[in-house]
Amino acid sequence: FTAMDSNSQGSGAGKGGLGGLFGGGAPEYSNTELAGVPLTGMSPLSPYLNVDPRYLVQDTDEFILPTGANKTRGRFELAFFTIGGSCITGAALGAVNGLRMGLKETRDMAWSKPRNVQIINMVTRQGASWANSLGSVALLYSVFGVAIEKARGAEDDINTVAAGTLTGMLFKSGSGVKGVARGGLAGLALSGAYALYNNWDHITGSSSSSSRLY
């Protein structure tokens, strides 16, 4: 045992001497000693970038905006999408309605070329008519919305409701006073429903928070 102790002491001295020769030796720790060291608060580093990975995670979108620009698109930018989407939707609905009307009007005819041509004509005619109507409504709504936004200098649901009401009134202006009133009420109802839909989460959140207070 004395020889083994002397050998271990000699090896330890040799390691200490080599460590002192090359700038100091690192202390040796056993697995038992390392198991008790707390690792809380330490984050692993990337072996490739040598940085904390938490700095690489972006919670929000980051992009460069022109000077004075907003993160959300305004009414003028949304006008093109609104008009185009309304025309496409009107064409699709009109085509379905034209197919229904064509099949109904030609139900007494046998399946032949004249019947197919008549159905196709009905589909294209109804599709173009519906696309023109919805496109005109979307154009009027966009123009009124942009004009009201520029006049008030603000963008909120008041612009939406006012633009919808004026659009309905102008679209039915050729039907007399009653037609204008009906169009205004229809535009008010649709635009009000749209504004309510956009703010539904905010309204429900406010009501739930107020109920918790009481």
N, C-alpha and C. Protein backbone atom coordinates (compact mmCIF):
# COMPACT_ATOMS: atom_id res chain seq x y z
N PHE A 1 0.82 -1.21 0.00
CA PHE A 1 0.00 0.00 0.00
C PHE A 1 0.85 1.25 0.00
N THR A 2 2.02 1.18 0.68
CA THR A 2 2.90 2.35 0.73
C THR A 2 3.45 2.67 -0.65
N ALA A 3 3.74 1.61 -1.41
CA ALA A 3 4.25 1.82 -2.76
C ALA A 3 3.20 2.42 -3.66
N MET A 4 1.94 1.94 -3.49
CA MET A 4 0.86 2.49 -4.32
C MET A 4 0.60 3.93 -3.99
N ASP A 5 0.65 4.29 -2.68
CA ASP A 5 0.44 5.68 -2.32
C ASP A 5 1.53 6.56 -2.86
N SER A 6 2.75 6.06 -2.81
CA SER A 6 3.87 6.85 -3.32
C SER A 6 3.77 7.02 -4.82
N ASN A 7 3.26 5.96 -5.53
CA ASN A 7 3.09 6.07 -6.98
C ASN A 7 2.02 7.08 -7.33
N SER A 8 0.89 7.04 -6.57
CA SER A 8 -0.18 7.99 -6.85
C SER A 8 0.25 9.40 -6.56
N GLN A 9 1.02 9.58 -5.46
CA GLN A 9 1.51 10.91 -5.16
C GLN A 9 2.50 11.38 -6.20
N GLY A 10 3.29 10.44 -6.67
CA GLY A 10 4.26 10.82 -7.70
C GLY A 10 3.60 11.19 -9.00
N SER A 11 2.56 10.43 -9.38
CA SER A 11 1.86 10.77 -10.62
C SER A 11 1.16 12.10 -10.49
N GLY A 12 0.56 12.38 -9.29
CA GLY A 12 -0.09 13.67 -9.08
C GLY A 12 0.91 14.79 -9.13
N ALA A 13 2.09 14.57 -8.55
CA ALA A 13 3.11 15.60 -8.61
C ALA A 13 3.60 15.82 -10.02
N GLY A 14 3.65 14.70 -10.77
CA GLY A 14 4.09 14.84 -12.17
C GLY A 14 3.10 15.64 -12.97
N LYS A 15 1.80 15.38 -12.75
CA LYS A 15 0.78 16.14 -13.47
C LYS A 15 0.81 17.60 -13.08
N GLY A 16 1.01 17.85 -11.73
CA GLY A 16 1.08 19.23 -11.30
C GLY A 16 2.30 19.92 -11.87
N GLY A 17 3.38 19.18 -11.99
CA GLY A 17 4.57 19.79 -12.57
C GLY A 17 4.40 20.11 -14.03
N LEU A 18 3.79 19.20 -14.79
CA LEU A 18 3.54 19.47 -16.20
C LEU A 18 2.54 20.59 -16.36
N GLY A 19 1.49 20.61 -15.45
CA GLY A 19 0.52 21.70 -15.52
C GLY A 19 1.18 23.02 -15.22
N GLY A 20 2.06 23.05 -14.23
CA GLY A 20 2.73 24.31 -13.94
C GLY A 20 3.66 24.71 -15.06
N LEU A 21 4.22 23.71 -15.74
CA LEU A 21 5.12 24.03 -16.85
C LEU A 21 4.38 24.64 -18.03
N PHE A 22 3.14 24.17 -18.31
CA PHE A 22 2.36 24.63 -19.47
C PHE A 22 1.25 25.59 -19.07
N GLY A 23 1.39 26.28 -17.99
CA GLY A 23 0.41 27.32 -17.67
C GLY A 23 -0.59 26.93 -16.63
N GLY A 24 -0.34 25.97 -15.83
CA GLY A 24 -1.27 25.61 -14.76
C GLY A 24 -2.14 24.44 -15.12
N GLY A 25 -2.31 23.53 -14.26
CA GLY A 25 -3.12 22.34 -14.52
C GLY A 25 -4.54 22.53 -14.09
N ALA A 26 -5.48 22.00 -14.86
CA ALA A 26 -6.90 22.10 -14.54
C ALA A 26 -7.25 21.10 -13.46
N PRO A 27 -8.06 21.49 -12.48
CA PRO A 27 -8.42 20.55 -11.41
C PRO A 27 -9.31 19.44 -11.95
N GLU A 28 -9.14 18.27 -11.42
CA GLU A 28 -9.90 17.12 -11.83
C GLU A 28 -11.09 16.93 -10.91
N TYR A 29 -12.29 16.68 -11.50
CA TYR A 29 -13.50 16.48 -10.73
C TYR A 29 -14.09 15.13 -11.11
N SER A 30 -14.64 14.48 -10.13
CA SER A 30 -15.28 13.20 -10.38
C SER A 30 -16.71 13.41 -10.84
N ASN A 31 -17.35 12.35 -11.35
CA ASN A 31 -18.75 12.44 -11.79
C ASN A 31 -19.68 12.75 -10.64
N THR A 32 -19.34 12.26 -9.47
CA THR A 32 -20.18 12.52 -8.29
C THR A 32 -20.18 13.99 -7.93
N GLU A 33 -19.01 14.62 -8.01
CA GLU A 33 -18.93 16.04 -7.70
C GLU A 33 -19.64 16.90 -8.74
N LEU A 34 -19.53 16.52 -10.01
CA LEU A 34 -20.20 17.29 -11.07
C LEU A 34 -21.71 17.13 -11.04
N ALA A 35 -22.20 16.01 -10.52
CA ALA A 35 -23.65 15.78 -10.50
C ALA A 35 -24.36 16.75 -9.58
N GLY A 36 -23.68 17.27 -8.60
CA GLY A 36 -24.31 18.20 -7.67
C GLY A 36 -24.25 19.64 -8.08
N VAL A 37 -23.63 19.94 -9.20
CA VAL A 37 -23.51 21.33 -9.64
C VAL A 37 -24.82 21.75 -10.29
N PRO A 38 -25.50 22.82 -9.82
CA PRO A 38 -26.76 23.26 -10.46
C PRO A 38 -26.49 23.88 -11.82
N LEU A 39 -27.36 23.53 -12.78
CA LEU A 39 -27.24 24.05 -14.15
C LEU A 39 -28.34 25.02 -14.50
N THR A 40 -29.13 25.48 -13.52
CA THR A 40 -30.21 26.42 -13.81
C THR A 40 -29.65 27.76 -14.20
N GLY A 41 -30.34 28.42 -15.14
CA GLY A 41 -29.89 29.73 -15.60
C GLY A 41 -28.85 29.67 -16.69
N MET A 42 -28.42 28.46 -17.04
CA MET A 42 -27.41 28.31 -18.10
C MET A 42 -28.11 27.89 -19.37
N SER A 43 -27.79 28.48 -20.48
CA SER A 43 -28.39 28.16 -21.77
C SER A 43 -27.30 27.61 -22.67
N PRO A 44 -27.62 26.56 -23.43
CA PRO A 44 -26.59 25.98 -24.30
C PRO A 44 -26.23 26.92 -25.43
N LEU A 45 -24.98 26.89 -25.83
CA LEU A 45 -24.51 27.71 -26.93
C LEU A 45 -24.45 26.88 -28.19
N SER A 46 -24.70 27.52 -29.31
CA SER A 46 -24.64 26.83 -30.58
C SER A 46 -23.19 26.47 -30.88
N PRO A 47 -22.92 25.22 -31.24
CA PRO A 47 -21.52 24.85 -31.53
C PRO A 47 -21.02 25.44 -32.82
N TYR A 48 -21.93 25.99 -33.64
CA TYR A 48 -21.51 26.54 -34.93
C TYR A 48 -21.38 28.06 -34.88
N LEU A 49 -22.29 28.73 -34.18
CA LEU A 49 -22.27 30.18 -34.15
C LEU A 49 -21.69 30.75 -32.86
N ASN A 50 -21.63 29.92 -31.83
CA ASN A 50 -21.09 30.33 -30.54
C ASN A 50 -21.86 31.52 -29.97
N VAL A 51 -23.19 31.49 -30.15
CA VAL A 51 -24.06 32.53 -29.61
C VAL A 51 -25.24 31.85 -28.93
N ASP A 52 -25.91 32.61 -28.11
CA ASP A 52 -27.08 32.10 -27.42
C ASP A 52 -28.23 31.95 -28.42
N PRO A 53 -28.83 30.76 -28.59
CA PRO A 53 -29.91 30.58 -29.59
C PRO A 53 -31.14 31.42 -29.30
N ARG A 54 -31.30 31.89 -28.05
CA ARG A 54 -32.49 32.70 -27.75
C ARG A 54 -32.49 34.01 -28.50
N TYR A 55 -31.30 34.50 -28.85
CA TYR A 55 -31.24 35.76 -29.59
C TYR A 55 -31.61 35.57 -31.05
N LEU A 56 -31.66 34.32 -31.52
CA LEU A 56 -32.01 34.05 -32.91
C LEU A 56 -33.50 33.87 -33.11
N VAL A 57 -34.28 33.75 -32.04
CA VAL A 57 -35.73 33.55 -32.13
C VAL A 57 -36.40 34.92 -32.17
N GLN A 58 -37.21 35.17 -33.22
CA GLN A 58 -37.90 36.45 -33.39
C GLN A 58 -39.37 36.24 -33.11
N ASP A 59 -39.88 36.93 -32.08
CA ASP A 59 -41.30 36.80 -31.74
C ASP A 59 -42.20 37.62 -32.65
N THR A 60 -41.67 38.68 -33.23
CA THR A 60 -42.47 39.57 -34.08
C THR A 60 -41.84 39.66 -35.46
N ASP A 61 -42.66 40.01 -36.43
CA ASP A 61 -42.16 40.19 -37.78
C ASP A 61 -41.30 41.44 -37.86
N GLU A 62 -40.17 41.31 -38.50
CA GLU A 62 -39.27 42.43 -38.66
C GLU A 62 -39.06 42.66 -40.15
N PHE A 63 -39.40 43.83 -40.62
CA PHE A 63 -39.21 44.17 -42.02
C PHE A 63 -39.03 45.68 -42.11
N ILE A 64 -38.43 46.09 -43.19
CA ILE A 64 -38.12 47.50 -43.40
C ILE A 64 -39.30 48.16 -44.09
N LEU A 65 -39.75 49.27 -43.54
CA LEU A 65 -40.86 50.03 -44.10
C LEU A 65 -40.36 51.37 -44.60
N PRO A 66 -40.95 51.89 -45.66
CA PRO A 66 -40.59 53.24 -46.10
C PRO A 66 -40.93 54.27 -45.04
N THR A 67 -40.34 55.42 -45.16
CA THR A 67 -40.56 56.48 -44.18
C THR A 67 -42.02 56.92 -44.19
N GLY A 68 -42.65 56.91 -43.04
CA GLY A 68 -44.04 57.33 -42.91
C GLY A 68 -45.06 56.26 -43.27
N ALA A 69 -44.61 55.05 -43.61
CA ALA A 69 -45.54 53.98 -44.00
C ALA A 69 -46.03 53.24 -42.76
N ASN A 70 -47.21 52.64 -42.88
CA ASN A 70 -47.80 51.87 -41.79
C ASN A 70 -47.63 50.39 -42.06
N LYS A 71 -47.74 49.60 -40.99
CA LYS A 71 -47.63 48.14 -41.14
C LYS A 71 -48.88 47.55 -41.78
N THR A 72 -50.00 48.23 -41.65
CA THR A 72 -51.24 47.76 -42.26
C THR A 72 -51.54 48.56 -43.52
N ARG A 73 -52.15 47.89 -44.49
CA ARG A 73 -52.47 48.56 -45.74
C ARG A 73 -53.70 49.45 -45.57
N GLY A 74 -53.68 50.60 -46.24
CA GLY A 74 -54.78 51.53 -46.17
C GLY A 74 -55.91 51.16 -47.11
N ARG A 75 -56.94 51.99 -47.11
CA ARG A 75 -58.10 51.72 -47.96
C ARG A 75 -57.75 51.81 -49.44
N PHE A 76 -56.87 52.72 -49.79
CA PHE A 76 -56.52 52.86 -51.20
C PHE A 76 -55.80 51.61 -51.70
N GLU A 77 -54.94 51.04 -50.87
CA GLU A 77 -54.24 49.82 -51.27
C GLU A 77 -55.18 48.62 -51.31
N LEU A 78 -56.15 48.59 -50.40
CA LEU A 78 -57.11 47.49 -50.37
C LEU A 78 -58.20 47.64 -51.41
N ALA A 79 -58.33 48.81 -52.03
CA ALA A 79 -59.40 49.03 -53.01
C ALA A 79 -59.26 48.09 -54.21
N PHE A 80 -58.03 47.89 -54.68
CA PHE A 80 -57.83 47.03 -55.85
C PHE A 80 -58.22 45.58 -55.55
N PHE A 81 -57.83 45.12 -54.36
CA PHE A 81 -58.21 43.76 -53.97
C PHE A 81 -59.72 43.64 -53.80
N THR A 82 -60.33 44.66 -53.21
CA THR A 82 -61.78 44.63 -52.99
C THR A 82 -62.55 44.60 -54.31
N ILE A 83 -62.16 45.46 -55.24
CA ILE A 83 -62.86 45.52 -56.53
C ILE A 83 -62.66 44.23 -57.32
N GLY A 84 -61.41 43.76 -57.38
CA GLY A 84 -61.15 42.52 -58.11
C GLY A 84 -61.84 41.32 -57.50
N GLY A 85 -61.79 41.22 -56.17
CA GLY A 85 -62.48 40.10 -55.52
C GLY A 85 -63.97 40.15 -55.71
N SER A 86 -64.55 41.35 -55.70
CA SER A 86 -66.00 41.47 -55.91
C SER A 86 -66.39 41.07 -57.33
N CYS A 87 -65.58 41.45 -58.30
CA CYS A 87 -65.88 41.06 -59.69
C CYS A 87 -65.80 39.54 -59.87
N ILE A 88 -64.78 38.93 -59.29
CA ILE A 88 -64.65 37.47 -59.42
C ILE A 88 -65.79 36.77 -58.70
N THR A 89 -66.13 37.25 -57.50
CA THR A 89 -67.24 36.64 -56.77
C THR A 89 -68.56 36.81 -57.51
N GLY A 90 -68.80 38.00 -58.06
CA GLY A 90 -70.02 38.22 -58.83
C GLY A 90 -70.09 37.35 -60.06
N ALA A 91 -68.97 37.17 -60.75
CA ALA A 91 -68.96 36.32 -61.94
C ALA A 91 -69.28 34.88 -61.58
N ALA A 92 -68.72 34.40 -60.44
CA ALA A 92 -68.99 33.02 -60.03
C ALA A 92 -70.46 32.83 -59.63
N LEU A 93 -70.98 33.75 -58.83
CA LEU A 93 -72.39 33.65 -58.43
C LEU A 93 -73.33 33.80 -59.62
N GLY A 94 -73.00 34.73 -60.52
CA GLY A 94 -73.83 34.89 -61.71
C GLY A 94 -73.81 33.67 -62.61
N ALA A 95 -72.64 33.02 -62.70
CA ALA A 95 -72.57 31.82 -63.53
C ALA A 95 -73.44 30.70 -62.95
N VAL A 96 -73.41 30.55 -61.63
CA VAL A 96 -74.26 29.54 -60.99
C VAL A 96 -75.74 29.87 -61.19
N ASN A 97 -76.09 31.13 -61.03
CA ASN A 97 -77.48 31.52 -61.24
C ASN A 97 -77.90 31.36 -62.69
N GLY A 98 -77.00 31.69 -63.62
CA GLY A 98 -77.31 31.50 -65.04
C GLY A 98 -77.48 30.04 -65.39
N LEU A 99 -76.67 29.17 -64.79
CA LEU A 99 -76.84 27.73 -65.04
C LEU A 99 -78.17 27.24 -64.51
N ARG A 100 -78.58 27.73 -63.35
CA ARG A 100 -79.87 27.35 -62.79
C ARG A 100 -81.02 27.83 -63.69
N MET A 101 -80.94 29.08 -64.14
CA MET A 101 -81.98 29.62 -64.99
C MET A 101 -82.00 28.93 -66.36
N GLY A 102 -80.82 28.64 -66.89
CA GLY A 102 -80.76 27.97 -68.19
C GLY A 102 -81.35 26.57 -68.15
N LEU A 103 -81.04 25.83 -67.08
CA LEU A 103 -81.62 24.49 -66.96
C LEU A 103 -83.12 24.55 -66.74
N LYS A 104 -83.58 25.57 -66.04
CA LYS A 104 -85.01 25.69 -65.79
C LYS A 104 -85.77 26.07 -67.05
N GLU A 105 -85.21 26.98 -67.85
CA GLU A 105 -85.90 27.42 -69.05
C GLU A 105 -85.85 26.39 -70.17
N THR A 106 -84.88 25.54 -70.18
CA THR A 106 -84.73 24.55 -71.27
C THR A 106 -85.04 23.14 -70.80
N ARG A 107 -85.81 23.01 -69.73
CA ARG A 107 -86.08 21.67 -69.21
C ARG A 107 -86.96 20.86 -70.14
N ASP A 108 -87.75 21.53 -70.99
CA ASP A 108 -88.62 20.82 -71.93
C ASP A 108 -87.90 20.44 -73.22
N MET A 109 -86.66 20.92 -73.39
CA MET A 109 -85.89 20.63 -74.60
C MET A 109 -85.01 19.41 -74.36
N ALA A 110 -84.77 18.68 -75.44
CA ALA A 110 -83.86 17.53 -75.35
C ALA A 110 -82.42 18.03 -75.36
N TRP A 111 -81.51 17.18 -74.83
CA TRP A 111 -80.10 17.56 -74.82
C TRP A 111 -79.57 17.61 -76.24
N SER A 112 -79.31 18.81 -76.71
CA SER A 112 -78.83 19.01 -78.07
C SER A 112 -77.98 20.26 -78.10
N LYS A 113 -77.44 20.57 -79.24
CA LYS A 113 -76.58 21.74 -79.37
C LYS A 113 -77.32 23.04 -79.11
N PRO A 114 -78.55 23.24 -79.62
CA PRO A 114 -79.27 24.49 -79.30
C PRO A 114 -79.49 24.69 -77.80
N ARG A 115 -79.79 23.61 -77.09
CA ARG A 115 -79.98 23.74 -75.64
C ARG A 115 -78.68 24.09 -74.94
N ASN A 116 -77.59 23.47 -75.35
CA ASN A 116 -76.29 23.78 -74.74
C ASN A 116 -75.89 25.24 -74.99
N VAL A 117 -76.15 25.70 -76.21
CA VAL A 117 -75.79 27.09 -76.54
C VAL A 117 -76.64 28.06 -75.72
N GLN A 118 -77.90 27.74 -75.54
CA GLN A 118 -78.78 28.62 -74.77
C GLN A 118 -78.35 28.66 -73.29
N ILE A 119 -77.96 27.52 -72.76
CA ILE A 119 -77.50 27.49 -71.36
C ILE A 119 -76.20 28.27 -71.20
N ILE A 120 -75.28 28.11 -72.16
CA ILE A 120 -74.00 28.83 -72.08
C ILE A 120 -74.23 30.34 -72.19
N ASN A 121 -75.13 30.74 -73.07
CA ASN A 121 -75.44 32.17 -73.18
C ASN A 121 -76.02 32.73 -71.88
N MET A 122 -76.88 31.95 -71.25
CA MET A 122 -77.46 32.39 -69.99
C MET A 122 -76.40 32.49 -68.89
N VAL A 123 -75.48 31.54 -68.87
CA VAL A 123 -74.41 31.55 -67.87
C VAL A 123 -73.51 32.77 -68.04
N THR A 124 -73.08 33.02 -69.27
CA THR A 124 -72.18 34.16 -69.52
C THR A 124 -72.89 35.49 -69.29
N ARG A 125 -74.17 35.57 -69.68
CA ARG A 125 -74.90 36.83 -69.49
C ARG A 125 -75.10 37.14 -68.00
N GLN A 126 -75.50 36.14 -67.23
CA GLN A 126 -75.70 36.35 -65.80
C GLN A 126 -74.37 36.59 -65.09
N GLY A 127 -73.32 35.90 -65.49
CA GLY A 127 -72.02 36.11 -64.88
C GLY A 127 -71.50 37.51 -65.09
N ALA A 128 -71.63 38.02 -66.32
CA ALA A 128 -71.18 39.38 -66.60
C ALA A 128 -72.03 40.41 -65.86
N SER A 129 -73.34 40.18 -65.77
CA SER A 129 -74.22 41.12 -65.09
C SER A 129 -73.91 41.19 -63.59
N TRP A 130 -73.74 40.04 -62.97
CA TRP A 130 -73.45 40.02 -61.54
C TRP A 130 -72.06 40.59 -61.26
N ALA A 131 -71.09 40.29 -62.10
CA ALA A 131 -69.75 40.85 -61.91
C ALA A 131 -69.76 42.36 -62.04
N ASN A 132 -70.54 42.89 -62.99
CA ASN A 132 -70.64 44.33 -63.17
C ASN A 132 -71.30 44.99 -61.96
N SER A 133 -72.34 44.35 -61.44
CA SER A 133 -73.05 44.93 -60.29
C SER A 133 -72.18 44.95 -59.04
N LEU A 134 -71.59 43.82 -58.69
CA LEU A 134 -70.76 43.77 -57.49
C LEU A 134 -69.49 44.60 -57.64
N GLY A 135 -68.94 44.62 -58.85
CA GLY A 135 -67.77 45.47 -59.08
C GLY A 135 -68.09 46.94 -58.92
N SER A 136 -69.27 47.36 -59.40
CA SER A 136 -69.68 48.76 -59.24
C SER A 136 -69.87 49.11 -57.77
N VAL A 137 -70.49 48.21 -57.01
CA VAL A 137 -70.67 48.45 -55.58
C VAL A 137 -69.32 48.55 -54.87
N ALA A 138 -68.40 47.65 -55.20
CA ALA A 138 -67.07 47.69 -54.58
C ALA A 138 -66.32 48.97 -54.95
N LEU A 139 -66.49 49.42 -56.20
CA LEU A 139 -65.82 50.66 -56.62
C LEU A 139 -66.37 51.86 -55.85
N LEU A 140 -67.70 51.95 -55.74
CA LEU A 140 -68.29 53.06 -54.99
C LEU A 140 -67.88 53.02 -53.52
N TYR A 141 -67.88 51.83 -52.94
CA TYR A 141 -67.50 51.70 -51.54
C TYR A 141 -66.04 52.11 -51.32
N SER A 142 -65.16 51.72 -52.21
CA SER A 142 -63.74 52.06 -52.08
C SER A 142 -63.53 53.57 -52.24
N VAL A 143 -64.21 54.17 -53.22
CA VAL A 143 -64.07 55.61 -53.43
C VAL A 143 -64.56 56.38 -52.22
N PHE A 144 -65.74 56.02 -51.71
CA PHE A 144 -66.27 56.70 -50.53
C PHE A 144 -65.36 56.48 -49.32
N GLY A 145 -64.86 55.27 -49.16
CA GLY A 145 -63.99 55.00 -48.03
C GLY A 145 -62.71 55.80 -48.05
N VAL A 146 -62.07 55.88 -49.22
CA VAL A 146 -60.83 56.65 -49.34
C VAL A 146 -61.10 58.14 -49.12
N ALA A 147 -62.21 58.65 -49.70
CA ALA A 147 -62.54 60.07 -49.55
C ALA A 147 -62.84 60.43 -48.09
N ILE A 148 -63.59 59.57 -47.40
CA ILE A 148 -63.91 59.85 -45.99
C ILE A 148 -62.66 59.75 -45.13
N GLU A 149 -61.80 58.80 -45.44
CA GLU A 149 -60.55 58.68 -44.67
C GLU A 149 -59.67 59.92 -44.83
N LYS A 150 -59.56 60.42 -46.06
CA LYS A 150 -58.76 61.62 -46.29
C LYS A 150 -59.40 62.84 -45.64
N ALA A 151 -60.72 62.91 -45.66
CA ALA A 151 -61.39 64.07 -45.08
C ALA A 151 -61.29 64.08 -43.55
N ARG A 152 -61.46 62.93 -42.92
CA ARG A 152 -61.43 62.87 -41.47
C ARG A 152 -60.01 62.77 -40.93
N GLY A 153 -59.08 62.25 -41.74
CA GLY A 153 -57.72 62.06 -41.26
C GLY A 153 -57.58 60.94 -40.27
N ALA A 154 -58.49 59.98 -40.30
CA ALA A 154 -58.46 58.85 -39.37
C ALA A 154 -59.04 57.63 -40.07
N GLU A 155 -58.66 56.48 -39.60
CA GLU A 155 -59.15 55.22 -40.16
C GLU A 155 -59.77 54.40 -39.03
N ASP A 156 -61.10 54.27 -39.07
CA ASP A 156 -61.80 53.51 -38.05
C ASP A 156 -63.09 52.95 -38.65
N ASP A 157 -63.92 52.38 -37.79
CA ASP A 157 -65.16 51.76 -38.26
C ASP A 157 -66.20 52.78 -38.70
N ILE A 158 -66.05 54.03 -38.28
CA ILE A 158 -66.98 55.07 -38.74
C ILE A 158 -66.87 55.24 -40.25
N ASN A 159 -65.66 55.18 -40.77
CA ASN A 159 -65.47 55.27 -42.22
C ASN A 159 -66.13 54.11 -42.94
N THR A 160 -66.04 52.92 -42.35
CA THR A 160 -66.65 51.74 -42.97
C THR A 160 -68.16 51.87 -43.05
N VAL A 161 -68.78 52.26 -41.94
CA VAL A 161 -70.25 52.38 -41.91
C VAL A 161 -70.73 53.52 -42.80
N ALA A 162 -70.02 54.64 -42.78
CA ALA A 162 -70.42 55.77 -43.62
C ALA A 162 -70.27 55.44 -45.10
N ALA A 163 -69.17 54.79 -45.46
CA ALA A 163 -68.97 54.42 -46.86
C ALA A 163 -70.01 53.41 -47.33
N GLY A 164 -70.36 52.45 -46.49
CA GLY A 164 -71.38 51.47 -46.86
C GLY A 164 -72.74 52.11 -47.04
N THR A 165 -73.10 53.04 -46.15
CA THR A 165 -74.39 53.71 -46.25
C THR A 165 -74.48 54.56 -47.51
N LEU A 166 -73.44 55.34 -47.78
CA LEU A 166 -73.45 56.18 -48.98
C LEU A 166 -73.43 55.34 -50.26
N THR A 167 -72.75 54.22 -50.21
CA THR A 167 -72.73 53.34 -51.39
C THR A 167 -74.12 52.80 -51.71
N GLY A 168 -74.83 52.35 -50.67
CA GLY A 168 -76.19 51.85 -50.89
C GLY A 168 -77.13 52.93 -51.39
N MET A 169 -77.00 54.13 -50.87
CA MET A 169 -77.87 55.23 -51.31
C MET A 169 -77.59 55.60 -52.76
N LEU A 170 -76.31 55.70 -53.14
CA LEU A 170 -75.99 56.09 -54.51
C LEU A 170 -76.31 54.98 -55.51
N PHE A 171 -76.13 53.72 -55.09
CA PHE A 171 -76.40 52.61 -56.00
C PHE A 171 -77.89 52.51 -56.33
N LYS A 172 -78.74 52.91 -55.40
CA LYS A 172 -80.19 52.87 -55.61
C LYS A 172 -80.78 54.27 -55.86
N SER A 173 -79.93 55.18 -56.29
CA SER A 173 -80.41 56.55 -56.49
C SER A 173 -81.39 56.67 -57.64
N GLY A 174 -81.39 55.75 -58.58
CA GLY A 174 -82.32 55.82 -59.69
C GLY A 174 -83.68 55.23 -59.40
N SER A 175 -83.91 54.75 -58.19
CA SER A 175 -85.18 54.11 -57.83
C SER A 175 -86.08 55.00 -57.01
N GLY A 176 -85.76 56.28 -56.94
CA GLY A 176 -86.61 57.20 -56.18
C GLY A 176 -86.17 57.32 -54.72
N VAL A 177 -86.98 58.07 -53.97
CA VAL A 177 -86.64 58.31 -52.57
C VAL A 177 -86.69 57.02 -51.76
N LYS A 178 -87.70 56.20 -52.01
CA LYS A 178 -87.81 54.94 -51.28
C LYS A 178 -86.63 54.01 -51.60
N GLY A 179 -86.23 54.00 -52.86
CA GLY A 179 -85.09 53.18 -53.24
C GLY A 179 -83.80 53.64 -52.58
N VAL A 180 -83.64 54.97 -52.50
CA VAL A 180 -82.44 55.51 -51.84
C VAL A 180 -82.44 55.14 -50.37
N ALA A 181 -83.60 55.24 -49.73
CA ALA A 181 -83.69 54.89 -48.31
C ALA A 181 -83.40 53.41 -48.08
N ARG A 182 -83.97 52.57 -48.95
CA ARG A 182 -83.72 51.14 -48.80
C ARG A 182 -82.25 50.80 -49.04
N GLY A 183 -81.68 51.42 -50.05
CA GLY A 183 -80.26 51.18 -50.32
C GLY A 183 -79.37 51.65 -49.18
N GLY A 184 -79.71 52.80 -48.59
CA GLY A 184 -78.93 53.29 -47.45
C GLY A 184 -79.04 52.37 -46.25
N LEU A 185 -80.26 51.87 -45.99
CA LEU A 185 -80.44 50.95 -44.87
C LEU A 185 -79.70 49.63 -45.11
N ALA A 186 -79.76 49.15 -46.35
CA ALA A 186 -79.03 47.91 -46.67
C ALA A 186 -77.52 48.09 -46.50
N GLY A 187 -77.01 49.22 -47.02
CA GLY A 187 -75.58 49.49 -46.86
C GLY A 187 -75.18 49.67 -45.41
N LEU A 188 -76.05 50.33 -44.62
CA LEU A 188 -75.78 50.51 -43.20
C LEU A 188 -75.76 49.17 -42.47
N ALA A 189 -76.70 48.29 -42.80
CA ALA A 189 -76.76 46.99 -42.14
C ALA A 189 -75.54 46.13 -42.49
N LEU A 190 -75.18 46.09 -43.78
CA LEU A 190 -74.05 45.26 -44.19
C LEU A 190 -72.73 45.79 -43.63
N SER A 191 -72.52 47.11 -43.73
CA SER A 191 -71.27 47.67 -43.22
C SER A 191 -71.21 47.57 -41.69
N GLY A 192 -72.35 47.74 -41.02
CA GLY A 192 -72.37 47.58 -39.57
C GLY A 192 -72.05 46.15 -39.15
N ALA A 193 -72.60 45.18 -39.89
CA ALA A 193 -72.30 43.78 -39.59
C ALA A 193 -70.82 43.47 -39.82
N TYR A 194 -70.25 44.05 -40.88
CA TYR A 194 -68.83 43.86 -41.15
C TYR A 194 -67.96 44.47 -40.05
N ALA A 195 -68.31 45.67 -39.60
CA ALA A 195 -67.55 46.30 -38.51
C ALA A 195 -67.69 45.51 -37.22
N LEU A 196 -68.88 44.99 -36.96
CA LEU A 196 -69.07 44.17 -35.77
C LEU A 196 -68.25 42.89 -35.84
N TYR A 197 -68.17 42.31 -37.03
CA TYR A 197 -67.38 41.08 -37.19
C TYR A 197 -65.89 41.35 -36.95
N ASN A 198 -65.39 42.49 -37.42
CA ASN A 198 -63.98 42.81 -37.24
C ASN A 198 -63.63 43.09 -35.78
N ASN A 199 -64.59 43.60 -35.02
CA ASN A 199 -64.34 43.95 -33.62
C ASN A 199 -64.95 42.95 -32.65
N TRP A 200 -65.31 41.78 -33.13
CA TRP A 200 -65.98 40.82 -32.26
C TRP A 200 -65.06 40.34 -31.14
N ASP A 201 -63.79 40.08 -31.47
CA ASP A 201 -62.85 39.63 -30.44
C ASP A 201 -62.64 40.70 -29.38
N HIS A 202 -62.55 41.95 -29.82
CA HIS A 202 -62.37 43.04 -28.86
C HIS A 202 -63.60 43.21 -27.97
N ILE A 203 -64.79 43.07 -28.57
CA ILE A 203 -66.02 43.23 -27.80
C ILE A 203 -66.18 42.10 -26.79
N THR A 204 -65.95 40.87 -27.22
CA THR A 204 -66.07 39.74 -26.31
C THR A 204 -65.01 39.79 -25.22
N GLY A 205 -63.80 40.25 -25.57
CA GLY A 205 -62.76 40.38 -24.55
C GLY A 205 -63.09 41.44 -23.51
N SER A 206 -63.67 42.55 -23.96
CA SER A 206 -64.05 43.60 -23.03
C SER A 206 -65.18 43.15 -22.12
N SER A 207 -66.15 42.43 -22.68
CA SER A 207 -67.28 41.96 -21.87
C SER A 207 -66.84 40.93 -20.85
N SER A 208 -65.92 40.05 -21.23
CA SER A 208 -65.44 39.03 -20.29
C SER A 208 -64.63 39.66 -19.17
N SER A 209 -63.81 40.67 -19.51
CA SER A 209 -63.02 41.34 -18.48
C SER A 209 -63.91 42.11 -17.50
N SER A 210 -64.97 42.77 -18.03
CA SER A 210 -65.89 43.49 -17.15
C SER A 210 -66.68 42.54 -16.25
N SER A 211 -67.03 41.36 -16.77
CA SER A 211 -67.74 40.39 -15.94
C SER A 211 -66.85 39.86 -14.83
N ARG A 212 -65.57 39.72 -15.08
CA ARG A 212 -64.65 39.27 -14.04
C ARG A 212 -64.48 40.33 -12.95
N LEU A 213 -64.58 41.61 -13.33
CA LEU A 213 -64.46 42.66 -12.34
C LEU A 213 -65.63 42.63 -11.35
N TYR A 214 -66.81 42.28 -11.86
CA TYR A 214 -67.97 42.24 -10.98
C TYR A 214 -68.20 40.84 -10.41
